[in-house]
Amino acid sequence: FTISRDNAKNTVYLQMNSLKPDDTAVYYCNAGILYG
């Protein structure tokens, strides 16, 4: 998986390759203040 941003579009992406059945889930985007 690769996470990336496009600041011009205010969008974050998650590129998911080589997917496995265990990757099955609801995927949620989250935003907040993270330190460490």
Full PDB file with SEQRES, HELIX, SHEET, SSBOND, CRYST1, ORIGX, SCALE, CONECT and MASTER records, all heavy atoms in Angstrom:
SEQRES   1 A   36  PHE THR ILE SER ARG ASP ASN ALA LYS ASN THR VAL TYR          
SEQRES   2 A   36  LEU GLN MET ASN SER LEU LYS PRO ASP ASP THR ALA VAL          
SEQRES   3 A   36  TYR TYR CYS ASN ALA GLY ILE LEU TYR GLY                      
HELIX    1 AA1 ASN A    7  LYS A    9  5                                   3    
HELIX    2 AA2 PRO A   21  ASP A   23  5                                   3    
SHEET    1 AA1 2 THR A   2  ASP A   6  0                                        
SHEET    2 AA1 2 THR A  11  GLN A  15 -1                                        
CRYST1    1.000    1.000    1.000  90.00  90.00  90.00 P 1           1          
ORIGX1      1.000000  0.000000  0.000000        0.00000                         
ORIGX2      0.000000  1.000000  0.000000        0.00000                         
ORIGX3      0.000000  0.000000  1.000000        0.00000                         
SCALE1      1.000000  0.000000  0.000000        0.00000                         
SCALE2      0.000000  1.000000  0.000000        0.00000                         
SCALE3      0.000000  0.000000  1.000000        0.00000                         
ATOM      1  N   PHE A   1       0.840  -1.195   0.000  1.00  0.00           N  
ATOM      2  CA  PHE A   1       0.000   0.000   0.000  1.00  0.00           C  
ATOM      3  C   PHE A   1       0.872   1.242   0.000  1.00  0.00           C  
ATOM      4  O   PHE A   1       1.956   1.256   0.599  1.00  0.00           O  
ATOM      5  CB  PHE A   1      -0.893   0.050   1.240  1.00  0.00           C  
ATOM      6  CG  PHE A   1      -1.991  -0.979   1.286  1.00  0.00           C  
ATOM      7  CD1 PHE A   1      -2.044  -2.035   0.400  1.00  0.00           C  
ATOM      8  CD2 PHE A   1      -2.978  -0.865   2.253  1.00  0.00           C  
ATOM      9  CE1 PHE A   1      -3.060  -2.979   0.459  1.00  0.00           C  
ATOM     10  CE2 PHE A   1      -4.000  -1.797   2.326  1.00  0.00           C  
ATOM     11  CZ  PHE A   1      -4.041  -2.850   1.436  1.00  0.00           C  
ATOM     12  N   THR A   2       0.378   2.287  -0.635  1.00  0.00           N  
ATOM     13  CA  THR A   2       1.059   3.572  -0.647  1.00  0.00           C  
ATOM     14  C   THR A   2       0.053   4.676  -0.371  1.00  0.00           C  
ATOM     15  O   THR A   2      -0.959   4.778  -1.069  1.00  0.00           O  
ATOM     16  CB  THR A   2       1.750   3.834  -1.989  1.00  0.00           C  
ATOM     17  OG1 THR A   2       2.680   2.784  -2.273  1.00  0.00           O  
ATOM     18  CG2 THR A   2       2.502   5.166  -1.944  1.00  0.00           C  
ATOM     19  N   ILE A   3       0.327   5.488   0.632  1.00  0.00           N  
ATOM     20  CA  ILE A   3      -0.503   6.643   0.912  1.00  0.00           C  
ATOM     21  C   ILE A   3       0.162   7.872   0.305  1.00  0.00           C  
ATOM     22  O   ILE A   3       1.385   8.012   0.348  1.00  0.00           O  
ATOM     23  CB  ILE A   3      -0.735   6.815   2.431  1.00  0.00           C  
ATOM     24  CG1 ILE A   3      -1.774   7.906   2.704  1.00  0.00           C  
ATOM     25  CG2 ILE A   3       0.562   7.090   3.172  1.00  0.00           C  
ATOM     26  CD1 ILE A   3      -2.229   7.964   4.159  1.00  0.00           C  
ATOM     27  N   SER A   4      -0.632   8.741  -0.268  1.00  0.00           N  
ATOM     28  CA  SER A   4      -0.103   9.938  -0.900  1.00  0.00           C  
ATOM     29  C   SER A   4      -1.120  11.057  -0.807  1.00  0.00           C  
ATOM     30  O   SER A   4      -2.277  10.834  -0.457  1.00  0.00           O  
ATOM     31  CB  SER A   4       0.281   9.671  -2.361  1.00  0.00           C  
ATOM     32  OG  SER A   4      -0.857   9.291  -3.119  1.00  0.00           O  
ATOM     33  N   ARG A   5      -0.683  12.256  -1.124  1.00  0.00           N  
ATOM     34  CA  ARG A   5      -1.547  13.431  -1.074  1.00  0.00           C  
ATOM     35  C   ARG A   5      -1.460  14.211  -2.365  1.00  0.00           C  
ATOM     36  O   ARG A   5      -0.426  14.237  -3.037  1.00  0.00           O  
ATOM     37  CB  ARG A   5      -1.151  14.370   0.077  1.00  0.00           C  
ATOM     38  CG  ARG A   5      -1.144  13.773   1.442  1.00  0.00           C  
ATOM     39  CD  ARG A   5      -0.866  14.840   2.478  1.00  0.00           C  
ATOM     40  NE  ARG A   5       0.318  15.627   2.138  1.00  0.00           N  
ATOM     41  CZ  ARG A   5       0.728  16.681   2.818  1.00  0.00           C  
ATOM     42  NH1 ARG A   5       0.054  17.086   3.885  1.00  0.00           N  
ATOM     43  NH2 ARG A   5       1.819  17.343   2.436  1.00  0.00           N  
ATOM     44  N   ASP A   6      -2.544  14.863  -2.697  1.00  0.00           N  
ATOM     45  CA  ASP A   6      -2.574  15.853  -3.752  1.00  0.00           C  
ATOM     46  C   ASP A   6      -3.112  17.119  -3.101  1.00  0.00           C  
ATOM     47  O   ASP A   6      -4.320  17.281  -2.939  1.00  0.00           O  
ATOM     48  CB  ASP A   6      -3.450  15.410  -4.920  1.00  0.00           C  
ATOM     49  CG  ASP A   6      -3.403  16.369  -6.087  1.00  0.00           C  
ATOM     50  OD1 ASP A   6      -3.092  17.556  -5.889  1.00  0.00           O  
ATOM     51  OD2 ASP A   6      -3.681  15.931  -7.225  1.00  0.00           O  
ATOM     52  N   ASN A   7      -2.210  17.993  -2.707  1.00  0.00           N  
ATOM     53  CA  ASN A   7      -2.620  19.173  -1.959  1.00  0.00           C  
ATOM     54  C   ASN A   7      -3.516  20.100  -2.779  1.00  0.00           C  
ATOM     55  O   ASN A   7      -4.403  20.758  -2.227  1.00  0.00           O  
ATOM     56  CB  ASN A   7      -1.393  19.940  -1.476  1.00  0.00           C  
ATOM     57  CG  ASN A   7      -0.629  19.193  -0.409  1.00  0.00           C  
ATOM     58  OD1 ASN A   7      -1.192  18.356   0.308  1.00  0.00           O  
ATOM     59  ND2 ASN A   7       0.655  19.488  -0.273  1.00  0.00           N  
ATOM     60  N   ALA A   8      -3.290  20.155  -4.073  1.00  0.00           N  
ATOM     61  CA  ALA A   8      -4.108  21.009  -4.920  1.00  0.00           C  
ATOM     62  C   ALA A   8      -5.560  20.571  -4.919  1.00  0.00           C  
ATOM     63  O   ALA A   8      -6.465  21.393  -5.102  1.00  0.00           O  
ATOM     64  CB  ALA A   8      -3.557  21.035  -6.340  1.00  0.00           C  
ATOM     65  N   LYS A   9      -5.788  19.287  -4.730  1.00  0.00           N  
ATOM     66  CA  LYS A   9      -7.147  18.751  -4.716  1.00  0.00           C  
ATOM     67  C   LYS A   9      -7.655  18.459  -3.314  1.00  0.00           C  
ATOM     68  O   LYS A   9      -8.775  17.963  -3.165  1.00  0.00           O  
ATOM     69  CB  LYS A   9      -7.210  17.476  -5.550  1.00  0.00           C  
ATOM     70  CG  LYS A   9      -6.887  17.671  -7.020  1.00  0.00           C  
ATOM     71  CD  LYS A   9      -6.986  16.358  -7.786  1.00  0.00           C  
ATOM     72  CE  LYS A   9      -6.687  16.556  -9.258  1.00  0.00           C  
ATOM     73  NZ  LYS A   9      -6.764  15.283 -10.010  1.00  0.00           N  
ATOM     74  N   ASN A  10      -6.842  18.745  -2.299  1.00  0.00           N  
ATOM     75  CA  ASN A  10      -7.199  18.438  -0.916  1.00  0.00           C  
ATOM     76  C   ASN A  10      -7.641  16.989  -0.772  1.00  0.00           C  
ATOM     77  O   ASN A  10      -8.654  16.684  -0.136  1.00  0.00           O  
ATOM     78  CB  ASN A  10      -8.288  19.386  -0.409  1.00  0.00           C  
ATOM     79  CG  ASN A  10      -7.808  20.810  -0.301  1.00  0.00           C  
ATOM     80  OD1 ASN A  10      -6.665  21.071   0.075  1.00  0.00           O  
ATOM     81  ND2 ASN A  10      -8.679  21.753  -0.620  1.00  0.00           N  
ATOM     82  N   THR A  11      -6.860  16.120  -1.353  1.00  0.00           N  
ATOM     83  CA  THR A  11      -7.221  14.710  -1.424  1.00  0.00           C  
ATOM     84  C   THR A  11      -6.051  13.843  -0.999  1.00  0.00           C  
ATOM     85  O   THR A  11      -4.906  14.115  -1.361  1.00  0.00           O  
ATOM     86  CB  THR A  11      -7.658  14.334  -2.841  1.00  0.00           C  
ATOM     87  OG1 THR A  11      -8.808  15.113  -3.204  1.00  0.00           O  
ATOM     88  CG2 THR A  11      -8.026  12.863  -2.928  1.00  0.00           C  
ATOM     89  N   VAL A  12      -6.357  12.810  -0.248  1.00  0.00           N  
ATOM     90  CA  VAL A  12      -5.378  11.799   0.104  1.00  0.00           C  
ATOM     91  C   VAL A  12      -5.792  10.492  -0.555  1.00  0.00           C  
ATOM     92  O   VAL A  12      -6.989  10.205  -0.687  1.00  0.00           O  
ATOM     93  CB  VAL A  12      -5.235  11.650   1.633  1.00  0.00           C  
ATOM     94  CG1 VAL A  12      -6.531  11.153   2.263  1.00  0.00           C  
ATOM     95  CG2 VAL A  12      -4.077  10.731   1.976  1.00  0.00           C  
ATOM     96  N   TYR A  13      -4.806   9.723  -0.975  1.00  0.00           N  
ATOM     97  CA  TYR A  13      -5.054   8.486  -1.684  1.00  0.00           C  
ATOM     98  C   TYR A  13      -4.435   7.314  -0.940  1.00  0.00           C  
ATOM     99  O   TYR A  13      -3.465   7.464  -0.193  1.00  0.00           O  
ATOM    100  CB  TYR A  13      -4.453   8.530  -3.086  1.00  0.00           C  
ATOM    101  CG  TYR A  13      -4.950   9.669  -3.931  1.00  0.00           C  
ATOM    102  CD1 TYR A  13      -4.238  10.858  -4.021  1.00  0.00           C  
ATOM    103  CD2 TYR A  13      -6.140   9.564  -4.647  1.00  0.00           C  
ATOM    104  CE1 TYR A  13      -4.689  11.908  -4.793  1.00  0.00           C  
ATOM    105  CE2 TYR A  13      -6.594  10.608  -5.420  1.00  0.00           C  
ATOM    106  CZ  TYR A  13      -5.872  11.774  -5.499  1.00  0.00           C  
ATOM    107  OH  TYR A  13      -6.329  12.815  -6.268  1.00  0.00           O  
ATOM    108  N   LEU A  14      -4.988   6.166  -1.170  1.00  0.00           N  
ATOM    109  CA  LEU A  14      -4.383   4.930  -0.720  1.00  0.00           C  
ATOM    110  C   LEU A  14      -4.355   3.978  -1.903  1.00  0.00           C  
ATOM    111  O   LEU A  14      -5.396   3.446  -2.301  1.00  0.00           O  
ATOM    112  CB  LEU A  14      -5.150   4.308   0.446  1.00  0.00           C  
ATOM    113  CG  LEU A  14      -4.502   3.068   1.061  1.00  0.00           C  
ATOM    114  CD1 LEU A  14      -3.200   3.439   1.768  1.00  0.00           C  
ATOM    115  CD2 LEU A  14      -5.455   2.376   2.029  1.00  0.00           C  
ATOM    116  N   GLN A  15      -3.175   3.806  -2.469  1.00  0.00           N  
ATOM    117  CA  GLN A  15      -2.989   2.849  -3.547  1.00  0.00           C  
ATOM    118  C   GLN A  15      -2.742   1.488  -2.931  1.00  0.00           C  
ATOM    119  O   GLN A  15      -1.787   1.311  -2.171  1.00  0.00           O  
ATOM    120  CB  GLN A  15      -1.812   3.253  -4.436  1.00  0.00           C  
ATOM    121  CG  GLN A  15      -1.523   2.277  -5.563  1.00  0.00           C  
ATOM    122  CD  GLN A  15      -2.628   2.234  -6.587  1.00  0.00           C  
ATOM    123  OE1 GLN A  15      -3.112   3.269  -7.026  1.00  0.00           O  
ATOM    124  NE2 GLN A  15      -3.040   1.029  -6.967  1.00  0.00           N  
ATOM    125  N   MET A  16      -3.584   0.539  -3.246  1.00  0.00           N  
ATOM    126  CA  MET A  16      -3.519  -0.787  -2.667  1.00  0.00           C  
ATOM    127  C   MET A  16      -3.221  -1.790  -3.773  1.00  0.00           C  
ATOM    128  O   MET A  16      -4.027  -1.969  -4.688  1.00  0.00           O  
ATOM    129  CB  MET A  16      -4.830  -1.139  -1.964  1.00  0.00           C  
ATOM    130  CG  MET A  16      -5.251  -0.122  -0.911  1.00  0.00           C  
ATOM    131  SD  MET A  16      -6.733  -0.635   0.000  1.00  0.00           S  
ATOM    132  CE  MET A  16      -7.937  -0.603  -1.339  1.00  0.00           C  
ATOM    133  N   ASN A  17      -2.072  -2.427  -3.673  1.00  0.00           N  
ATOM    134  CA  ASN A  17      -1.654  -3.427  -4.633  1.00  0.00           C  
ATOM    135  C   ASN A  17      -1.518  -4.778  -3.955  1.00  0.00           C  
ATOM    136  O   ASN A  17      -1.439  -4.873  -2.731  1.00  0.00           O  
ATOM    137  CB  ASN A  17      -0.316  -3.036  -5.271  1.00  0.00           C  
ATOM    138  CG  ASN A  17      -0.378  -1.741  -6.029  1.00  0.00           C  
ATOM    139  OD1 ASN A  17      -1.390  -1.412  -6.644  1.00  0.00           O  
ATOM    140  ND2 ASN A  17       0.725  -0.992  -6.002  1.00  0.00           N  
ATOM    141  N   SER A  18      -1.473  -5.808  -4.768  1.00  0.00           N  
ATOM    142  CA  SER A  18      -1.319  -7.173  -4.259  1.00  0.00           C  
ATOM    143  C   SER A  18      -2.304  -7.465  -3.144  1.00  0.00           C  
ATOM    144  O   SER A  18      -1.957  -7.991  -2.080  1.00  0.00           O  
ATOM    145  CB  SER A  18       0.119  -7.401  -3.781  1.00  0.00           C  
ATOM    146  OG  SER A  18       1.045  -7.183  -4.825  1.00  0.00           O  
ATOM    147  N   LEU A  19      -3.542  -7.140  -3.390  1.00  0.00           N  
ATOM    148  CA  LEU A  19      -4.559  -7.257  -2.354  1.00  0.00           C  
ATOM    149  C   LEU A  19      -4.805  -8.708  -1.969  1.00  0.00           C  
ATOM    150  O   LEU A  19      -4.752  -9.611  -2.809  1.00  0.00           O  
ATOM    151  CB  LEU A  19      -5.853  -6.599  -2.813  1.00  0.00           C  
ATOM    152  CG  LEU A  19      -5.835  -5.071  -2.737  1.00  0.00           C  
ATOM    153  CD1 LEU A  19      -6.936  -4.486  -3.600  1.00  0.00           C  
ATOM    154  CD2 LEU A  19      -5.988  -4.616  -1.292  1.00  0.00           C  
ATOM    155  N   LYS A  20      -5.081  -8.895  -0.700  1.00  0.00           N  
ATOM    156  CA  LYS A  20      -5.331 -10.196  -0.117  1.00  0.00           C  
ATOM    157  C   LYS A  20      -6.737 -10.228   0.472  1.00  0.00           C  
ATOM    158  O   LYS A  20      -7.286  -9.185   0.824  1.00  0.00           O  
ATOM    159  CB  LYS A  20      -4.322 -10.490   0.994  1.00  0.00           C  
ATOM    160  CG  LYS A  20      -2.868 -10.372   0.587  1.00  0.00           C  
ATOM    161  CD  LYS A  20      -1.957 -10.537   1.798  1.00  0.00           C  
ATOM    162  CE  LYS A  20      -0.507 -10.395   1.420  1.00  0.00           C  
ATOM    163  NZ  LYS A  20       0.382 -10.530   2.613  1.00  0.00           N  
ATOM    164  N   PRO A  21      -7.314 -11.411   0.608  1.00  0.00           N  
ATOM    165  CA  PRO A  21      -8.629 -11.481   1.255  1.00  0.00           C  
ATOM    166  C   PRO A  21      -8.652 -10.835   2.640  1.00  0.00           C  
ATOM    167  O   PRO A  21      -9.671 -10.260   3.027  1.00  0.00           O  
ATOM    168  CB  PRO A  21      -8.892 -12.989   1.335  1.00  0.00           C  
ATOM    169  CG  PRO A  21      -8.169 -13.537   0.145  1.00  0.00           C  
ATOM    170  CD  PRO A  21      -6.911 -12.704   0.040  1.00  0.00           C  
ATOM    171  N   ASP A  22      -7.545 -10.905   3.368  1.00  0.00           N  
ATOM    172  CA  ASP A  22      -7.497 -10.295   4.692  1.00  0.00           C  
ATOM    173  C   ASP A  22      -7.547  -8.780   4.651  1.00  0.00           C  
ATOM    174  O   ASP A  22      -7.719  -8.138   5.690  1.00  0.00           O  
ATOM    175  CB  ASP A  22      -6.228 -10.729   5.434  1.00  0.00           C  
ATOM    176  CG  ASP A  22      -6.303 -12.149   5.952  1.00  0.00           C  
ATOM    177  OD1 ASP A  22      -7.404 -12.737   5.942  1.00  0.00           O  
ATOM    178  OD2 ASP A  22      -5.261 -12.680   6.377  1.00  0.00           O  
ATOM    179  N   ASP A  23      -7.386  -8.195   3.473  1.00  0.00           N  
ATOM    180  CA  ASP A  23      -7.531  -6.755   3.336  1.00  0.00           C  
ATOM    181  C   ASP A  23      -8.991  -6.324   3.280  1.00  0.00           C  
ATOM    182  O   ASP A  23      -9.275  -5.120   3.297  1.00  0.00           O  
ATOM    183  CB  ASP A  23      -6.816  -6.257   2.078  1.00  0.00           C  
ATOM    184  CG  ASP A  23      -5.319  -6.456   2.136  1.00  0.00           C  
ATOM    185  OD1 ASP A  23      -4.723  -6.230   3.210  1.00  0.00           O  
ATOM    186  OD2 ASP A  23      -4.737  -6.835   1.094  1.00  0.00           O  
ATOM    187  N   THR A  24      -9.889  -7.272   3.179  1.00  0.00           N  
ATOM    188  CA  THR A  24     -11.310  -6.951   3.117  1.00  0.00           C  
ATOM    189  C   THR A  24     -11.745  -6.221   4.383  1.00  0.00           C  
ATOM    190  O   THR A  24     -11.558  -6.711   5.493  1.00  0.00           O  
ATOM    191  CB  THR A  24     -12.142  -8.223   2.934  1.00  0.00           C  
ATOM    192  OG1 THR A  24     -11.821  -8.821   1.676  1.00  0.00           O  
ATOM    193  CG2 THR A  24     -13.626  -7.915   2.975  1.00  0.00           C  
ATOM    194  N   ALA A  25     -12.315  -5.052   4.200  1.00  0.00           N  
ATOM    195  CA  ALA A  25     -12.717  -4.224   5.330  1.00  0.00           C  
ATOM    196  C   ALA A  25     -13.403  -2.981   4.802  1.00  0.00           C  
ATOM    197  O   ALA A  25     -13.367  -2.689   3.604  1.00  0.00           O  
ATOM    198  CB  ALA A  25     -11.500  -3.827   6.174  1.00  0.00           C  
ATOM    199  N   VAL A  26     -14.010  -2.252   5.716  1.00  0.00           N  
ATOM    200  CA  VAL A  26     -14.415  -0.893   5.423  1.00  0.00           C  
ATOM    201  C   VAL A  26     -13.224   0.005   5.720  1.00  0.00           C  
ATOM    202  O   VAL A  26     -12.666  -0.046   6.818  1.00  0.00           O  
ATOM    203  CB  VAL A  26     -15.637  -0.462   6.243  1.00  0.00           C  
ATOM    204  CG1 VAL A  26     -15.992   0.994   5.956  1.00  0.00           C  
ATOM    205  CG2 VAL A  26     -16.831  -1.361   5.935  1.00  0.00           C  
ATOM    206  N   TYR A  27     -12.849   0.796   4.756  1.00  0.00           N  
ATOM    207  CA  TYR A  27     -11.707   1.684   4.895  1.00  0.00           C  
ATOM    208  C   TYR A  27     -12.200   3.095   5.174  1.00  0.00           C  
ATOM    209  O   TYR A  27     -13.052   3.619   4.451  1.00  0.00           O  
ATOM    210  CB  TYR A  27     -10.846   1.654   3.629  1.00  0.00           C  
ATOM    211  CG  TYR A  27     -10.004   0.412   3.533  1.00  0.00           C  
ATOM    212  CD1 TYR A  27     -10.587  -0.815   3.266  1.00  0.00           C  
ATOM    213  CD2 TYR A  27      -8.626   0.460   3.737  1.00  0.00           C  
ATOM    214  CE1 TYR A  27      -9.828  -1.969   3.205  1.00  0.00           C  
ATOM    215  CE2 TYR A  27      -7.857  -0.679   3.664  1.00  0.00           C  
ATOM    216  CZ  TYR A  27      -8.458  -1.897   3.400  1.00  0.00           C  
ATOM    217  OH  TYR A  27      -7.692  -3.034   3.336  1.00  0.00           O  
ATOM    218  N   TYR A  28     -11.655   3.682   6.219  1.00  0.00           N  
ATOM    219  CA  TYR A  28     -12.067   5.002   6.671  1.00  0.00           C  
ATOM    220  C   TYR A  28     -10.921   5.992   6.557  1.00  0.00           C  
ATOM    221  O   TYR A  28      -9.794   5.699   6.963  1.00  0.00           O  
ATOM    222  CB  TYR A  28     -12.509   4.964   8.132  1.00  0.00           C  
ATOM    223  CG  TYR A  28     -13.719   4.114   8.402  1.00  0.00           C  
ATOM    224  CD1 TYR A  28     -13.579   2.786   8.787  1.00  0.00           C  
ATOM    225  CD2 TYR A  28     -14.992   4.640   8.273  1.00  0.00           C  
ATOM    226  CE1 TYR A  28     -14.686   2.003   9.041  1.00  0.00           C  
ATOM    227  CE2 TYR A  28     -16.108   3.855   8.529  1.00  0.00           C  
ATOM    228  CZ  TYR A  28     -15.949   2.543   8.912  1.00  0.00           C  
ATOM    229  OH  TYR A  28     -17.051   1.773   9.168  1.00  0.00           O  
ATOM    230  N   CYS A  29     -11.238   7.144   6.052  1.00  0.00           N  
ATOM    231  CA  CYS A  29     -10.312   8.251   6.061  1.00  0.00           C  
ATOM    232  C   CYS A  29     -10.428   8.993   7.386  1.00  0.00           C  
ATOM    233  O   CYS A  29     -11.531   9.145   7.929  1.00  0.00           O  
ATOM    234  CB  CYS A  29     -10.617   9.188   4.895  1.00  0.00           C  
ATOM    235  SG  CYS A  29      -9.438  10.531   4.670  1.00  0.00           S  
ATOM    236  N   ASN A  30      -9.315   9.423   7.905  1.00  0.00           N  
ATOM    237  CA  ASN A  30      -9.278  10.128   9.178  1.00  0.00           C  
ATOM    238  C   ASN A  30      -8.343  11.322   9.080  1.00  0.00           C  
ATOM    239  O   ASN A  30      -7.309  11.257   8.413  1.00  0.00           O  
ATOM    240  CB  ASN A  30      -8.808   9.178  10.285  1.00  0.00           C  
ATOM    241  CG  ASN A  30      -8.568   9.877  11.602  1.00  0.00           C  
ATOM    242  OD1 ASN A  30      -7.436   9.985  12.061  1.00  0.00           O  
ATOM    243  ND2 ASN A  30      -9.634  10.354  12.223  1.00  0.00           N  
ATOM    244  N   ALA A  31      -8.708  12.392   9.749  1.00  0.00           N  
ATOM    245  CA  ALA A  31      -7.869  13.577   9.801  1.00  0.00           C  
ATOM    246  C   ALA A  31      -7.811  14.080  11.227  1.00  0.00           C  
ATOM    247  O   ALA A  31      -8.814  14.070  11.947  1.00  0.00           O  
ATOM    248  CB  ALA A  31      -8.404  14.663   8.878  1.00  0.00           C  
ATOM    249  N   GLY A  32      -6.646  14.528  11.633  1.00  0.00           N  
ATOM    250  CA  GLY A  32      -6.491  15.038  12.971  1.00  0.00           C  
ATOM    251  C   GLY A  32      -5.114  15.611  13.189  1.00  0.00           C  
ATOM    252  O   GLY A  32      -4.378  15.883  12.240  1.00  0.00           O  
ATOM    253  N   ILE A  33      -4.800  15.786  14.448  1.00  0.00           N  
ATOM    254  CA  ILE A  33      -3.498  16.318  14.840  1.00  0.00           C  
ATOM    255  C   ILE A  33      -2.706  15.185  15.459  1.00  0.00           C  
ATOM    256  O   ILE A  33      -3.077  14.649  16.509  1.00  0.00           O  
ATOM    257  CB  ILE A  33      -3.649  17.485  15.831  1.00  0.00           C  
ATOM    258  CG1 ILE A  33      -4.480  18.605  15.208  1.00  0.00           C  
ATOM    259  CG2 ILE A  33      -2.275  18.001  16.255  1.00  0.00           C  
ATOM    260  CD1 ILE A  33      -4.860  19.697  16.183  1.00  0.00           C  
ATOM    261  N   LEU A  34      -1.647  14.816  14.808  1.00  0.00           N  
ATOM    262  CA  LEU A  34      -0.805  13.715  15.253  1.00  0.00           C  
ATOM    263  C   LEU A  34       0.598  14.225  15.523  1.00  0.00           C  
ATOM    264  O   LEU A  34       1.196  14.885  14.672  1.00  0.00           O  
ATOM    265  CB  LEU A  34      -0.764  12.616  14.191  1.00  0.00           C  
ATOM    266  CG  LEU A  34       0.104  11.397  14.499  1.00  0.00           C  
ATOM    267  CD1 LEU A  34      -0.496  10.589  15.645  1.00  0.00           C  
ATOM    268  CD2 LEU A  34       0.275  10.535  13.257  1.00  0.00           C  
ATOM    269  N   TYR A  35       1.088  13.907  16.702  1.00  0.00           N  
ATOM    270  CA  TYR A  35       2.473  14.159  17.050  1.00  0.00           C  
ATOM    271  C   TYR A  35       3.073  12.845  17.511  1.00  0.00           C  
ATOM    272  O   TYR A  35       2.639  12.287  18.530  1.00  0.00           O  
ATOM    273  CB  TYR A  35       2.595  15.219  18.139  1.00  0.00           C  
ATOM    274  CG  TYR A  35       2.130  16.584  17.707  1.00  0.00           C  
ATOM    275  CD1 TYR A  35       0.955  17.141  18.218  1.00  0.00           C  
ATOM    276  CD2 TYR A  35       2.854  17.325  16.785  1.00  0.00           C  
ATOM    277  CE1 TYR A  35       0.525  18.385  17.820  1.00  0.00           C  
ATOM    278  CE2 TYR A  35       2.430  18.573  16.381  1.00  0.00           C  
ATOM    279  CZ  TYR A  35       1.266  19.101  16.901  1.00  0.00           C  
ATOM    280  OH  TYR A  35       0.842  20.350  16.498  1.00  0.00           O  
ATOM    281  N   GLY A  36       4.040  12.381  16.770  1.00  0.00           N  
ATOM    282  CA  GLY A  36       4.600  11.076  17.068  1.00  0.00           C  
ATOM    283  C   GLY A  36       3.564  10.002  16.826  1.00  0.00           C  
ATOM    284  O   GLY A  36       3.114   9.790  15.693  1.00  0.00           O  
TER     285      GLY A  36                                                      
MASTER        0    0    0    2    2    0    0    6  284    1    0    3          
END                                                                             
